[in-house]
Amino acid sequence: PYRADDPELLAWVHVTEAVSFLGGWVRYAEPRMSLADQDRYFAEMALLGEKLGAEPLPRSRAQAHALIE
C-alpha cells in the first residue's frame, strides 16, 4: 500500500528532484560547475532529505546517479 511517508519513496522523489535541478543548473547557468561543487550540492541536499525522513540518501553526484540506476 501507498504511504506518503515511506522512506524509500521520499528518497526517490528527493534524489530525482535533486538530480534534475542540478542538471538544469549546470546546463543553463553554470556549465563549468566543478564536480566537487556538485558533490557538495548533494551533501547539502541530503540534510534536507534527512529532515523529511528519506532513506537512503546520496552524498555525491556519483551516489545519486547510482541510486537512480
C-alpha atoms as a PDB file:
ATOM      1  CA  PRO A   1       0.000   0.000   0.000  1.00  0.00           C
ATOM      2  CA  TYR A   2       0.962   3.610  -0.649  1.00  0.00           C
ATOM      3  CA  ARG A   3       2.450   5.595   2.225  1.00  0.00           C
ATOM      4  CA  ALA A   4       3.448   9.208   1.688  1.00  0.00           C
ATOM      5  CA  ASP A   5       5.998   8.883   4.496  1.00  0.00           C
ATOM      6  CA  ASP A   6       7.718   5.775   3.078  1.00  0.00           C
ATOM      7  CA  PRO A   7      11.480   6.485   3.413  1.00  0.00           C
ATOM      8  CA  GLU A   8      12.344   4.873   0.056  1.00  0.00           C
ATOM      9  CA  LEU A   9       9.610   6.761  -1.792  1.00  0.00           C
ATOM     10  CA  LEU A  10      10.733  10.009  -0.180  1.00  0.00           C
ATOM     11  CA  ALA A  11      14.322   9.225  -1.189  1.00  0.00           C
ATOM     12  CA  TRP A  12      13.316   8.521  -4.797  1.00  0.00           C
ATOM     13  CA  VAL A  13      11.410  11.791  -5.101  1.00  0.00           C
ATOM     14  CA  HIS A  14      14.148  13.733  -3.331  1.00  0.00           C
ATOM     15  CA  VAL A  15      17.012  12.283  -5.395  1.00  0.00           C
ATOM     16  CA  THR A  16      15.294  12.593  -8.783  1.00  0.00           C
ATOM     17  CA  GLU A  17      14.393  16.210  -7.980  1.00  0.00           C
ATOM     18  CA  ALA A  18      17.950  16.993  -6.892  1.00  0.00           C
ATOM     19  CA  VAL A  19      19.489  15.350  -9.974  1.00  0.00           C
ATOM     20  CA  SER A  20      17.053  17.142 -12.300  1.00  0.00           C
ATOM     21  CA  PHE A  21      17.519  20.541 -10.674  1.00  0.00           C
ATOM     22  CA  LEU A  22      21.304  20.258 -10.717  1.00  0.00           C
ATOM     23  CA  GLY A  23      21.248  19.074 -14.324  1.00  0.00           C
ATOM     24  CA  GLY A  24      19.256  22.158 -15.326  1.00  0.00           C
ATOM     25  CA  TRP A  25      21.534  24.430 -13.331  1.00  0.00           C
ATOM     26  CA  VAL A  26      24.674  23.001 -14.922  1.00  0.00           C
ATOM     27  CA  ARG A  27      23.195  23.095 -18.410  1.00  0.00           C
ATOM     28  CA  TYR A  28      21.763  26.601 -18.362  1.00  0.00           C
ATOM     29  CA  ALA A  29      23.516  28.555 -15.622  1.00  0.00           C
ATOM     30  CA  GLU A  30      26.907  27.123 -14.757  1.00  0.00           C
ATOM     31  CA  PRO A  31      28.241  24.682 -17.371  1.00  0.00           C
ATOM     32  CA  ARG A  32      31.674  24.648 -15.771  1.00  0.00           C
ATOM     33  CA  MET A  33      30.453  23.841 -12.256  1.00  0.00           C
ATOM     34  CA  SER A  34      33.120  21.650 -10.697  1.00  0.00           C
ATOM     35  CA  LEU A  35      32.410  18.061  -9.701  1.00  0.00           C
ATOM     36  CA  ALA A  36      33.456  18.994  -6.165  1.00  0.00           C
ATOM     37  CA  ASP A  37      30.741  21.667  -6.049  1.00  0.00           C
ATOM     38  CA  GLN A  38      28.226  19.212  -7.472  1.00  0.00           C
ATOM     39  CA  ASP A  39      29.144  16.723  -4.752  1.00  0.00           C
ATOM     40  CA  ARG A  40      28.766  19.453  -2.143  1.00  0.00           C
ATOM     41  CA  TYR A  41      25.277  20.192  -3.522  1.00  0.00           C
ATOM     42  CA  PHE A  42      24.258  16.565  -2.923  1.00  0.00           C
ATOM     43  CA  ALA A  43      25.799  16.541   0.541  1.00  0.00           C
ATOM     44  CA  GLU A  44      23.828  19.663   1.448  1.00  0.00           C
ATOM     45  CA  MET A  45      20.624  18.343  -0.142  1.00  0.00           C
ATOM     46  CA  ALA A  46      20.977  15.161   1.926  1.00  0.00           C
ATOM     47  CA  LEU A  47      20.462  17.272   5.043  1.00  0.00           C
ATOM     48  CA  LEU A  48      17.038  18.302   3.737  1.00  0.00           C
ATOM     49  CA  GLY A  49      16.191  14.719   2.814  1.00  0.00           C
ATOM     50  CA  GLU A  50      17.061  13.582   6.318  1.00  0.00           C
ATOM     51  CA  LYS A  51      14.579  16.078   7.759  1.00  0.00           C
ATOM     52  CA  LEU A  52      11.895  14.582   5.501  1.00  0.00           C
ATOM     53  CA  GLY A  53      12.733  11.049   6.613  1.00  0.00           C
ATOM     54  CA  ALA A  54      14.094   9.931   3.235  1.00  0.00           C
ATOM     55  CA  GLU A  55      16.411   6.927   3.136  1.00  0.00           C
ATOM     56  CA  PRO A  56      18.844   6.126   1.541  1.00  0.00           C
ATOM     57  CA  LEU A  57      20.305   9.492   0.603  1.00  0.00           C
ATOM     58  CA  PRO A  58      23.296  10.059  -1.658  1.00  0.00           C
ATOM     59  CA  ARG A  59      26.016  12.436  -0.607  1.00  0.00           C
ATOM     60  CA  SER A  60      27.698  12.788  -4.003  1.00  0.00           C
ATOM     61  CA  ARG A  61      26.795  13.054  -7.669  1.00  0.00           C
ATOM     62  CA  ALA A  62      28.013   9.519  -8.337  1.00  0.00           C
ATOM     63  CA  GLN A  63      25.967   8.101  -5.453  1.00  0.00           C
ATOM     64  CA  ALA A  64      22.864   9.928  -6.721  1.00  0.00           C
ATOM     65  CA  HIS A  65      23.201   8.512 -10.223  1.00  0.00           C
ATOM     66  CA  ALA A  66      23.911   5.034  -8.833  1.00  0.00           C
ATOM     67  CA  LEU A  67      20.790   5.217  -6.686  1.00  0.00           C
ATOM     68  CA  ILE A  68      18.659   6.128  -9.695  1.00  0.00           C
ATOM     69  CA  GLU A  69      20.146   3.291 -11.726  1.00  0.00           C
END
